[in-house]
Each structure stands twice: as C-alpha cells, then as structure tokens.
Amino acid sequence: MHRDEGDVGPDGHIHMDGITKIEGHGSIDIRIRDRRVKYVKLSITESKRFYTQALIGKPALSLPLMTSRVCGTCSIAHLTCCAAAVESAVGYRPSDQTRLLRELSLYGMMIRDHAMHLYLFCLPDIFGKDSVLDFDDSQNEIIKKAFEVKGAGNNLSKVVGGRAIHETYAEVGKFSHVPERDAVRKLIGELKGARQHALEFVDIFYNSTFRLERDTDFVSLLTSDYSFMGGSIVDSKGASIPEERYWDYVDKVVIPYSEATGYRFEGREFMVGALARMNLNRDKICSSTMADVQGYMSAFPSKNIFHNNLAQAIEVVHCIDRSIELLESNEFREESNEPVVIKPGEGVGMLEAPRGTLYYMLSINKQRRIEYGRIIVPTQQNQITMEKAIGQLVEQNVDLPKDRMVFEIEKLVRAYDPCMSCASHFLKVRWS
C-alpha cells in the first residue's frame, strides 16, 4: 500500500506540544508500534499553582471570594461550592431563597459557559471551518444567535450575582442583594428569546456524525430536579454514596509526566461532565424542556464521547426553562439572615460545574481559619479517561494523514471540554 509521507503510519511518534489559548498548558505524546498505540501521555504542563496550600490560614468566612479566583470561567461554581463547604463545616443551613439564588446563578454560568464551548469552539468543526471567523455571510446569523444565548446567560448571572464572572452578591450564608423586579422582568423576556436559538443548536449537535464510543464509568451528582446541587453521588455501575464520603471513593493518581494529579473512582477510570449527568439524570430535566427535546433523548444513555456536546446543548435549554420557571414563580425580598458563626469543624461542598463534579473539603480551626483543604476539579477527574480515549482514537485511525490525525485528536479533546480547550486549533505539532 502506498503511504504518503504525511501519513502517521503503523510505526511512529506523535508529539503535540504547546497547547495554546487555554487555562494552563498541555502536550500530548503518542508512540505507535505495529499499528498499536504503545502509550499516550497527556501532560498538563502549567506551573503548579498550589491553591490547596494557599487555603491554609485564610479566614473561613471570606474564603469563597478567594477561591472563586481559581477559575475565571467557573468562578461561580468555585464560590458556591466553597461557601457550601464552609456552611457544612459550621452546621449552618442557608435560607430557601439563598439556595434558590445559588441555583439561578449556576444556571447562568452553565448557559454562558456551554454556549462559549459549543457555539464558538465546537461548531466550526461541524461546519468544516477553522473558526467562527471563517464563517461566510450565510452563516453570520447563527453566530448572532450564539451570542444571544451566551448573553442571556451572562445577564442571568449579573441580575442574580452582580457580575457574570466573580459575582459580588454571593457570600457564605446569604446574598447581599436580591434581584430587582424590573431587571427580572427584562431578563425573563431575554431568556425566552434565547430559548428557540438554543433549541436550534440542540438539533445541530444531535445531527453531528462525530463518534468515539468508550466503555467508561460515568459519575455525577443525582439530583431531584437537575439543579446541579444537592443529592448523592452515583455512577453507571450502580454506586450511590453521600457527597461527604466522595473522598473515600476516589483514588489520587500521581502522573509523573503531568503537573496535574489524576483520579480514579473505585479504582476505575471515569468521566464526569454533561454526558455523565445526562446518562444518569436525564429523566430529571425540566418538563418544558423535555417536551421539545424528547426526540433527541433517544441518544442517551450514550457511550459516545462526542455526545457530551449534545448533552451540553440540551442542558442549555433546561437551564433557560428552569430559570424562567423560577423567576416567574418567586418574589425576591431582602432577608434578615441569622449570622454565620464560624467555629471548628470539617465540611464538604459538592456541585456540578459545567465540566463536571466539583469537590471541596475544608477543616476550620479554633481561630476560625482554614486548617487544611482539598479541592478536586473536573479536568483532573477526566484526565485518565481522556488520555485513554486519545489512544483509542489514534489506534482506530492509524492510517490518517498527519494533519487529519491532529484535527481528530483536537476534536476529541474539545468534546471533553477540559479547562485546556479554548480554541479551534490549539496544538503545535512536532513529528518524529
């Protein structure tokens, strides 16, 4: 068989270095022998940030505002999860209205974060474009719709939390400001306008032909209303555990060639994120959403990693519908909350961030400061299964030309939506 010089070949070494336009840095090293992948090394090569060490000695009451800086994209998730861990440690239960506002702020974050990932980073792959900047005049309307959906998510977070990123109203135990009626009324109209656009994007991602099936374990919170908070941890193998015991079920894995620590769940590789949530929670989505996406739900449960994109697209509609429902049925009033009394204790906070399950465990000492803490972010939990998926993809497509192989790997990495995926072409490739 004639093989072009640009083919990968049955024996080769693929090195993809310098992943740019991401939160951090990464590279991929792949060795192929006799058409089989001998190893894949997915290296997250950002400098160590030591934020779990930075927690120590910080005042517990102000800690959530600090930890929100762990991630600009998911700042609301970190703030909310950290606040929940502090409240758990001191035995404080926030009011129903505070929990409702937290739910709404998470919906806003989900809408804007999913919209950015799906519509600006993944959509060009489906249309065969390098980026949205290469869309022609006939496709300008779809980009306009994308920004309208994302803008609705931004404004939901602003109305509820004060800002779309690093919200200012949320605190341990309360919100310092509640949504104003006129702002809520305007926001409801904006969300209703964005809803139809979001449904159109569901159809686009449902009809995508991208496919890579993986026999992996899926893990997520199981909630009663797909609200991304509360409930218990479940997996596709049948486990069901309370969130405070999550640390007992995950195994920390030191990856010698990566700056990021990986994790296994009960000794197995696993996947968190929208696909896991949809596989395990799909019957809990909003009824008004289900009425319009019923035809797309036949895709789940799914082992196709690219269905993570479809699951995110459906979640956008769910978040819009649920937000409209909550905003229309609730009046928000300033509350006189009981003060949060900081005392020694240990507590856990868990929620579903856009990319998957986020875990905080904090211990508070007698000085009302943090004694020690643990944080597990979604990308760490997906690192091992993502690495194995890359190997599977390469082995199944070993005869592809080099540039096509790189593109397929990029698409797969994007489908996991890790924090190291922020542009259409983000890999610098060196072949040897």
Protein backbone atom coordinates (compact mmCIF):
# COMPACT_ATOMS: atom_id res chain seq x y z
CA MET A 1 0.00 0.00 0.00
CA HIS A 2 1.36 3.39 -0.93
CA ARG A 3 1.66 5.67 2.06
CA ASP A 4 2.05 9.40 1.68
CA GLU A 5 4.88 10.98 3.64
CA GLY A 6 2.24 12.85 5.55
CA ASP A 7 0.67 9.67 6.94
CA VAL A 8 1.17 8.66 10.53
CA GLY A 9 2.00 5.08 9.64
CA PRO A 10 2.00 1.81 11.61
CA ASP A 11 5.13 2.86 13.49
CA GLY A 12 5.52 6.42 14.61
CA HIS A 13 5.83 9.02 17.28
CA ILE A 14 3.35 11.87 17.52
CA HIS A 15 4.25 14.78 19.75
CA MET A 16 1.79 17.65 20.12
CA ASP A 17 3.35 20.43 22.11
CA GLY A 18 2.33 23.83 23.40
CA ILE A 19 -1.45 23.80 23.66
CA THR A 20 -2.26 27.50 23.47
CA LYS A 21 -5.24 29.72 24.29
CA ILE A 22 -6.19 27.60 27.26
CA GLU A 23 -6.29 27.79 31.04
CA GLY A 24 -2.81 26.38 31.55
CA HIS A 25 -0.60 24.47 29.15
CA GLY A 26 -0.56 20.92 27.85
CA SER A 27 1.03 18.50 25.42
CA ILE A 28 0.35 15.04 24.03
CA ASP A 29 2.96 12.39 23.29
CA ILE A 30 1.94 9.21 21.43
CA ARG A 31 4.06 6.18 20.49
CA ILE A 32 2.76 3.77 17.80
CA ARG A 33 4.26 0.34 17.10
CA ASP A 34 2.85 -2.27 14.69
CA ARG A 35 -0.33 -0.22 14.32
CA ARG A 36 -0.92 -0.34 18.05
CA VAL A 37 -0.64 2.57 20.46
CA LYS A 38 2.06 1.70 22.97
CA TYR A 39 1.41 4.74 25.13
CA VAL A 40 -0.28 8.11 25.28
CA LYS A 41 1.00 10.77 27.64
CA LEU A 42 -1.40 13.66 28.13
CA SER A 43 0.63 16.20 30.05
CA ILE A 44 -0.92 19.21 31.72
CA THR A 45 2.19 21.34 31.93
CA GLU A 46 1.01 24.51 33.60
CA SER A 47 3.07 25.68 36.53
CA LYS A 48 1.98 24.41 39.91
CA ARG A 49 -0.50 26.83 41.47
CA PHE A 50 -0.57 25.38 45.00
CA TYR A 51 -4.04 26.73 45.72
CA THR A 52 -4.83 23.99 48.25
CA GLN A 53 -1.79 25.18 50.18
CA ALA A 54 -2.90 28.79 49.74
CA LEU A 55 -6.14 27.96 51.59
CA ILE A 56 -4.31 27.27 54.84
CA GLY A 57 -4.61 30.06 57.39
CA LYS A 58 -7.21 32.02 55.42
CA PRO A 59 -10.35 33.30 57.23
CA ALA A 60 -13.14 30.81 56.59
CA LEU A 61 -15.81 33.47 56.13
CA SER A 62 -14.01 35.25 53.28
CA LEU A 63 -12.53 32.15 51.65
CA PRO A 64 -15.19 31.70 48.90
CA LEU A 65 -14.35 35.06 47.35
CA MET A 66 -10.72 33.96 47.20
CA THR A 67 -11.36 30.51 45.75
CA SER A 68 -13.60 31.97 43.05
CA ARG A 69 -10.30 33.12 41.51
CA VAL A 70 -9.23 29.51 40.95
CA CYS A 71 -11.05 29.69 37.61
CA GLY A 72 -12.36 32.73 35.77
CA THR A 73 -14.71 30.66 33.65
CA CYS A 74 -16.20 28.69 36.55
CA SER A 75 -15.76 31.28 39.30
CA ILE A 76 -19.41 30.99 40.36
CA ALA A 77 -19.06 27.23 40.80
CA HIS A 78 -15.95 27.60 42.98
CA LEU A 79 -17.50 30.35 45.10
CA THR A 80 -20.74 28.42 45.61
CA CYS A 81 -19.04 25.10 46.34
CA CYS A 82 -16.61 26.67 48.80
CA ALA A 83 -19.42 28.52 50.59
CA ALA A 84 -21.34 25.24 50.89
CA ALA A 85 -18.26 23.55 52.40
CA VAL A 86 -17.86 26.33 54.98
CA GLU A 87 -21.55 26.11 55.89
CA SER A 88 -21.29 22.34 56.18
CA ALA A 89 -18.28 22.66 58.49
CA VAL A 90 -20.05 25.02 60.90
CA GLY A 91 -23.51 23.44 60.64
CA TYR A 92 -25.23 26.42 59.01
CA ARG A 93 -28.24 25.93 56.72
CA PRO A 94 -28.88 28.83 54.33
CA SER A 95 -32.42 30.05 53.65
CA ASP A 96 -34.59 28.69 50.85
CA GLN A 97 -34.18 31.98 48.98
CA THR A 98 -30.39 31.81 49.22
CA ARG A 99 -30.40 28.27 47.84
CA LEU A 100 -32.74 29.40 45.06
CA LEU A 101 -30.44 32.29 44.12
CA ARG A 102 -27.48 29.93 44.07
CA GLU A 103 -29.37 27.63 41.75
CA LEU A 104 -30.13 30.52 39.41
CA SER A 105 -26.55 31.76 39.41
CA LEU A 106 -25.36 28.28 38.47
CA TYR A 107 -27.86 28.20 35.60
CA GLY A 108 -26.48 31.48 34.31
CA MET A 109 -22.93 30.12 34.45
CA MET A 110 -23.95 26.92 32.66
CA ILE A 111 -25.68 28.79 29.86
CA ARG A 112 -22.80 31.14 29.10
CA ASP A 113 -20.04 28.52 29.60
CA HIS A 114 -21.73 25.85 27.48
CA ALA A 115 -22.54 28.46 24.83
CA MET A 116 -18.91 29.52 24.60
CA HIS A 117 -17.67 25.95 24.31
CA LEU A 118 -20.33 24.64 21.93
CA TYR A 119 -21.06 27.56 19.68
CA LEU A 120 -17.63 29.15 19.36
CA PHE A 121 -15.18 26.25 19.80
CA CYS A 122 -17.03 23.12 18.61
CA LEU A 123 -19.42 24.50 15.99
CA PRO A 124 -16.63 25.28 13.48
CA ASP A 125 -15.71 21.56 13.47
CA ILE A 126 -19.24 20.65 12.40
CA PHE A 127 -19.25 23.26 9.64
CA GLY A 128 -15.76 22.31 8.46
CA LYS A 129 -14.29 25.68 9.42
CA ASP A 130 -11.14 26.61 11.24
CA SER A 131 -13.00 29.09 13.46
CA VAL A 132 -16.17 31.15 13.58
CA LEU A 133 -14.17 33.94 11.96
CA ASP A 134 -14.18 31.86 8.77
CA PHE A 135 -17.96 31.55 8.60
CA ASP A 136 -19.36 33.09 5.42
CA ASP A 137 -22.14 35.64 5.16
CA SER A 138 -24.82 32.94 5.04
CA GLN A 139 -23.67 31.70 8.46
CA ASN A 140 -23.49 35.06 10.21
CA GLU A 141 -26.98 34.62 11.61
CA ILE A 142 -26.01 31.50 13.53
CA ILE A 143 -23.16 33.37 15.23
CA LYS A 144 -25.57 36.14 16.15
CA LYS A 145 -27.86 33.56 17.74
CA ALA A 146 -24.90 32.06 19.61
CA PHE A 147 -24.04 35.38 21.20
CA GLU A 148 -27.68 36.00 22.13
CA VAL A 149 -27.78 32.71 24.07
CA LYS A 150 -24.46 33.42 25.73
CA GLY A 151 -25.56 36.97 26.52
CA ALA A 152 -28.72 35.71 28.21
CA GLY A 153 -26.58 33.52 30.47
CA ASN A 154 -24.28 36.44 31.26
CA ASN A 155 -27.22 38.65 32.20
CA LEU A 156 -28.82 35.97 34.37
CA SER A 157 -25.62 35.82 36.43
CA LYS A 158 -25.45 39.61 36.56
CA VAL A 159 -29.02 40.03 37.81
CA VAL A 160 -28.63 37.30 40.43
CA GLY A 161 -24.99 37.60 41.43
CA GLY A 162 -23.94 41.10 40.47
CA ARG A 163 -21.50 40.07 37.74
CA ALA A 164 -21.25 37.31 35.15
CA ILE A 165 -17.80 36.33 36.46
CA HIS A 166 -16.61 36.67 40.07
CA GLU A 167 -20.09 37.58 41.31
CA THR A 168 -20.23 40.17 44.08
CA TYR A 169 -23.54 39.47 45.85
CA ALA A 170 -22.92 35.87 46.96
CA GLU A 171 -21.50 35.24 50.42
CA VAL A 172 -21.34 32.45 52.96
CA GLY A 173 -24.93 32.00 54.12
CA LYS A 174 -26.60 34.70 52.04
CA PHE A 175 -26.78 37.08 49.08
CA SER A 176 -26.12 40.72 49.95
CA HIS A 177 -28.55 41.90 47.26
CA VAL A 178 -31.61 40.32 45.66
CA PRO A 179 -32.81 40.67 42.05
CA GLU A 180 -34.90 43.74 41.29
CA ARG A 181 -38.34 43.26 39.75
CA ASP A 182 -37.71 45.32 36.63
CA ALA A 183 -34.43 43.51 35.97
CA VAL A 184 -36.13 40.14 36.44
CA ARG A 185 -38.95 41.09 34.07
CA LYS A 186 -36.49 42.12 31.38
CA LEU A 187 -34.37 39.03 31.95
CA ILE A 188 -37.33 36.67 31.52
CA GLY A 189 -38.01 38.19 28.09
CA GLU A 190 -34.37 37.80 27.11
CA LEU A 191 -34.29 34.16 28.20
CA LYS A 192 -37.46 33.40 26.26
CA GLY A 193 -35.92 34.99 23.18
CA ALA A 194 -32.76 32.89 23.51
CA ARG A 195 -34.65 29.64 24.03
CA GLN A 196 -35.52 29.00 20.39
CA HIS A 197 -31.92 29.61 19.36
CA ALA A 198 -30.74 27.11 21.96
CA LEU A 199 -33.15 24.50 20.56
CA GLU A 200 -31.74 25.04 17.08
CA PHE A 201 -28.26 24.29 18.39
CA VAL A 202 -29.54 21.08 20.00
CA ASP A 203 -30.63 19.93 16.55
CA ILE A 204 -27.22 20.76 15.07
CA PHE A 205 -25.29 18.76 17.65
CA TYR A 206 -27.77 15.87 17.51
CA ASN A 207 -27.13 15.53 13.79
CA SER A 208 -23.35 15.60 14.17
CA THR A 209 -21.73 12.40 12.89
CA PHE A 210 -18.66 12.58 15.18
CA ARG A 211 -18.28 9.36 17.13
CA LEU A 212 -15.98 7.62 19.60
CA GLU A 213 -17.56 5.11 21.96
CA ARG A 214 -15.88 4.39 25.28
CA ASP A 215 -16.68 1.77 27.91
CA THR A 216 -16.01 4.04 30.86
CA ASP A 217 -17.71 4.68 34.17
CA PHE A 218 -19.84 7.83 34.35
CA VAL A 219 -20.08 9.70 37.64
CA SER A 220 -22.22 12.67 38.67
CA LEU A 221 -24.49 14.09 41.33
CA LEU A 222 -28.01 12.69 41.14
CA THR A 223 -30.47 15.46 41.95
CA SER A 224 -34.25 15.56 42.04
CA ASP A 225 -34.54 18.40 39.53
CA TYR A 226 -31.27 18.52 37.55
CA SER A 227 -30.28 21.60 39.54
CA PHE A 228 -26.51 20.81 39.73
CA MET A 229 -26.62 20.97 43.56
CA GLY A 230 -27.51 18.52 46.31
CA GLY A 231 -28.38 14.86 46.02
CA SER A 232 -25.92 11.99 46.14
CA ILE A 233 -23.03 10.78 44.02
CA VAL A 234 -23.96 7.99 41.61
CA ASP A 235 -22.19 6.14 38.85
CA SER A 236 -23.18 4.00 35.89
CA LYS A 237 -22.07 0.85 37.75
CA GLY A 238 -24.74 1.32 40.43
CA ALA A 239 -22.85 3.07 43.23
CA SER A 240 -24.75 5.63 45.33
CA ILE A 241 -22.88 7.49 48.04
CA PRO A 242 -23.42 10.67 50.08
CA GLU A 243 -21.30 13.59 48.98
CA GLU A 244 -19.41 13.75 52.28
CA ARG A 245 -17.93 10.31 51.50
CA TYR A 246 -16.72 11.10 47.98
CA TRP A 247 -13.08 11.28 49.09
CA ASP A 248 -13.32 7.65 50.27
CA TYR A 249 -14.21 6.50 46.76
CA VAL A 250 -11.66 8.36 44.64
CA ASP A 251 -8.02 7.37 44.30
CA LYS A 252 -5.44 10.07 43.75
CA VAL A 253 -3.05 9.16 40.92
CA VAL A 254 0.29 10.89 40.55
CA ILE A 255 1.04 11.20 36.83
CA PRO A 256 4.84 11.60 36.56
CA TYR A 257 4.79 13.44 33.24
CA SER A 258 1.93 15.81 34.16
CA GLU A 259 1.68 18.68 36.63
CA ALA A 260 -1.97 17.79 37.29
CA THR A 261 -3.00 14.91 39.53
CA GLY A 262 -5.42 12.37 38.09
CA TYR A 263 -8.15 10.41 39.85
CA ARG A 264 -9.86 7.03 39.62
CA PHE A 265 -13.28 6.18 41.06
CA GLU A 266 -13.19 2.91 42.99
CA GLY A 267 -10.03 2.02 41.07
CA ARG A 268 -11.58 2.67 37.64
CA GLU A 269 -11.15 5.40 35.07
CA PHE A 270 -14.27 7.55 34.94
CA MET A 271 -15.83 10.52 33.23
CA VAL A 272 -17.63 13.49 34.73
CA GLY A 273 -19.47 16.26 32.91
CA ALA A 274 -22.61 16.80 30.88
CA LEU A 275 -22.60 13.33 29.29
CA ALA A 276 -22.37 11.70 32.72
CA ARG A 277 -25.15 13.96 34.03
CA MET A 278 -27.42 13.24 31.07
CA ASN A 279 -26.80 9.49 31.26
CA LEU A 280 -27.66 9.43 34.97
CA ASN A 281 -30.14 12.32 35.39
CA ARG A 282 -31.94 12.56 32.05
CA ASP A 283 -35.40 11.83 33.50
CA LYS A 284 -34.99 14.84 35.84
CA ILE A 285 -34.77 17.59 33.23
CA CYS A 286 -37.39 20.33 33.19
CA SER A 287 -40.76 19.17 31.79
CA SER A 288 -40.98 22.09 29.36
CA THR A 289 -37.52 21.19 28.07
CA MET A 290 -38.43 17.52 27.73
CA ALA A 291 -41.49 18.45 25.67
CA ASP A 292 -39.24 19.95 22.99
CA VAL A 293 -36.17 17.69 23.16
CA GLN A 294 -37.92 14.33 23.52
CA GLY A 295 -36.84 13.34 20.03
CA TYR A 296 -33.20 13.90 20.87
CA MET A 297 -33.24 11.97 24.14
CA SER A 298 -33.03 8.65 22.30
CA ALA A 299 -29.28 9.26 22.14
CA PHE A 300 -28.98 8.62 25.89
CA PRO A 301 -27.64 6.76 27.71
CA SER A 302 -24.64 7.06 25.43
CA LYS A 303 -21.02 5.92 25.38
CA ASN A 304 -20.17 8.28 22.53
CA ILE A 305 -17.84 10.92 23.98
CA PHE A 306 -18.96 13.45 21.37
CA HIS A 307 -22.44 13.27 22.86
CA ASN A 308 -21.01 15.35 25.69
CA ASN A 309 -21.61 18.25 23.29
CA LEU A 310 -25.21 17.21 22.70
CA ALA A 311 -25.77 16.83 26.43
CA GLN A 312 -24.44 20.35 27.00
CA ALA A 313 -26.73 21.72 24.28
CA ILE A 314 -29.75 20.13 25.99
CA GLU A 315 -28.58 21.44 29.37
CA VAL A 316 -28.60 24.99 27.97
CA VAL A 317 -32.32 24.65 27.14
CA HIS A 318 -33.01 23.09 30.54
CA CYS A 319 -31.21 25.93 32.34
CA ILE A 320 -33.17 28.53 30.37
CA ASP A 321 -36.51 26.83 31.05
CA ARG A 322 -35.83 26.21 34.72
CA SER A 323 -34.66 29.81 35.20
CA ILE A 324 -37.78 31.21 33.57
CA GLU A 325 -39.92 28.97 35.76
CA LEU A 326 -38.17 30.07 38.97
CA LEU A 327 -38.07 33.76 38.07
CA GLU A 328 -41.78 33.81 37.19
CA SER A 329 -42.90 31.95 40.31
CA ASN A 330 -40.82 33.66 43.01
CA GLU A 331 -40.70 37.10 44.60
CA PHE A 332 -37.29 38.01 45.98
CA ARG A 333 -37.08 40.00 49.20
CA GLU A 334 -34.26 41.28 51.37
CA GLU A 335 -33.80 38.86 54.27
CA SER A 336 -32.58 39.19 57.83
CA ASN A 337 -30.48 36.05 57.88
CA GLU A 338 -29.07 34.57 61.02
CA PRO A 339 -25.35 35.39 61.14
CA VAL A 340 -22.94 32.60 60.24
CA VAL A 341 -21.00 31.69 63.37
CA ILE A 342 -17.60 30.29 62.40
CA LYS A 343 -16.42 27.51 64.69
CA PRO A 344 -14.14 24.46 64.44
CA GLY A 345 -15.40 21.77 62.11
CA GLU A 346 -14.96 19.89 58.87
CA GLY A 347 -17.32 20.07 55.93
CA VAL A 348 -17.79 19.13 52.29
CA GLY A 349 -19.27 21.04 49.38
CA MET A 350 -20.12 19.43 46.03
CA LEU A 351 -21.88 20.59 42.92
CA GLU A 352 -21.86 20.11 39.18
CA ALA A 353 -19.70 22.69 37.42
CA PRO A 354 -20.05 22.98 33.62
CA ARG A 355 -17.28 20.44 33.02
CA GLY A 356 -18.28 18.05 35.81
CA THR A 357 -18.30 17.34 39.52
CA LEU A 358 -16.50 19.85 41.75
CA TYR A 359 -15.48 18.84 45.28
CA TYR A 360 -14.37 20.94 48.28
CA MET A 361 -13.42 19.62 51.71
CA LEU A 362 -12.44 22.16 54.37
CA SER A 363 -11.33 21.96 58.00
CA ILE A 364 -11.71 25.05 60.20
CA ASN A 365 -9.68 25.56 63.40
CA LYS A 366 -10.37 27.43 66.64
CA GLN A 367 -9.01 30.65 65.14
CA ARG A 368 -11.83 30.49 62.53
CA ARG A 369 -9.26 29.90 59.83
CA ILE A 370 -8.66 27.04 57.41
CA GLU A 371 -6.59 24.22 58.89
CA TYR A 372 -6.41 22.31 55.60
CA GLY A 373 -8.47 21.74 52.50
CA ARG A 374 -8.93 19.59 49.42
CA ILE A 375 -10.24 20.63 46.00
CA ILE A 376 -10.90 18.25 43.11
CA VAL A 377 -11.79 19.86 39.79
CA PRO A 378 -13.47 18.11 36.83
CA THR A 379 -10.49 18.10 34.46
CA GLN A 380 -8.40 16.17 37.00
CA GLN A 381 -11.11 13.52 37.17
CA ASN A 382 -11.30 13.24 33.38
CA GLN A 383 -7.56 13.22 32.72
CA ILE A 384 -7.02 9.45 32.79
CA THR A 385 -10.03 8.54 30.67
CA MET A 386 -9.27 11.39 28.23
CA GLU A 387 -5.75 10.03 27.77
CA LYS A 388 -7.05 6.52 27.09
CA ALA A 389 -9.65 7.87 24.66
CA ILE A 390 -6.93 9.59 22.65
CA GLY A 391 -5.10 6.27 22.36
CA GLN A 392 -8.25 4.53 21.20
CA LEU A 393 -8.90 7.23 18.60
CA VAL A 394 -5.37 7.07 17.20
CA GLU A 395 -5.39 3.27 17.02
CA GLN A 396 -8.70 3.27 15.16
CA ASN A 397 -7.43 5.86 12.66
CA VAL A 398 -3.75 4.99 12.31
CA ASP A 399 -3.80 5.41 8.51
CA LEU A 400 -4.95 9.01 8.60
CA PRO A 401 -2.69 11.76 7.27
CA LYS A 402 -0.85 13.68 9.96
CA ASP A 403 -2.88 16.87 9.77
CA ARG A 404 -6.15 14.94 9.88
CA MET A 405 -5.00 12.92 12.88
CA VAL A 406 -4.16 16.10 14.77
CA PHE A 407 -7.57 17.52 13.92
CA GLU A 408 -9.35 14.39 15.15
CA ILE A 409 -7.42 14.47 18.44
CA GLU A 410 -8.29 18.15 18.87
CA LYS A 411 -11.98 17.43 18.30
CA LEU A 412 -11.90 14.70 20.91
CA VAL A 413 -10.14 16.87 23.49
CA ARG A 414 -12.71 19.58 22.83
CA ALA A 415 -15.55 17.10 23.36
CA TYR A 416 -14.36 16.53 26.94
CA ASP A 417 -14.44 20.33 27.38
CA PRO A 418 -11.50 20.43 29.78
CA CYS A 419 -10.03 23.67 31.03
CA MET A 420 -7.27 23.15 28.46
CA SER A 421 -9.59 23.52 25.49
CA CYS A 422 -10.24 27.08 24.38
CA ALA A 423 -9.62 27.40 20.65
CA SER A 424 -10.29 25.64 17.37
CA HIS A 425 -6.64 24.99 16.54
CA PHE A 426 -4.68 24.99 19.74
CA LEU A 427 -1.95 22.40 19.16
CA LYS A 428 1.58 22.99 17.96
CA VAL A 429 2.68 19.68 16.47
CA ARG A 430 6.13 18.13 16.20
CA TRP A 431 6.55 14.83 14.37
CA SER A 432 9.50 12.45 14.61
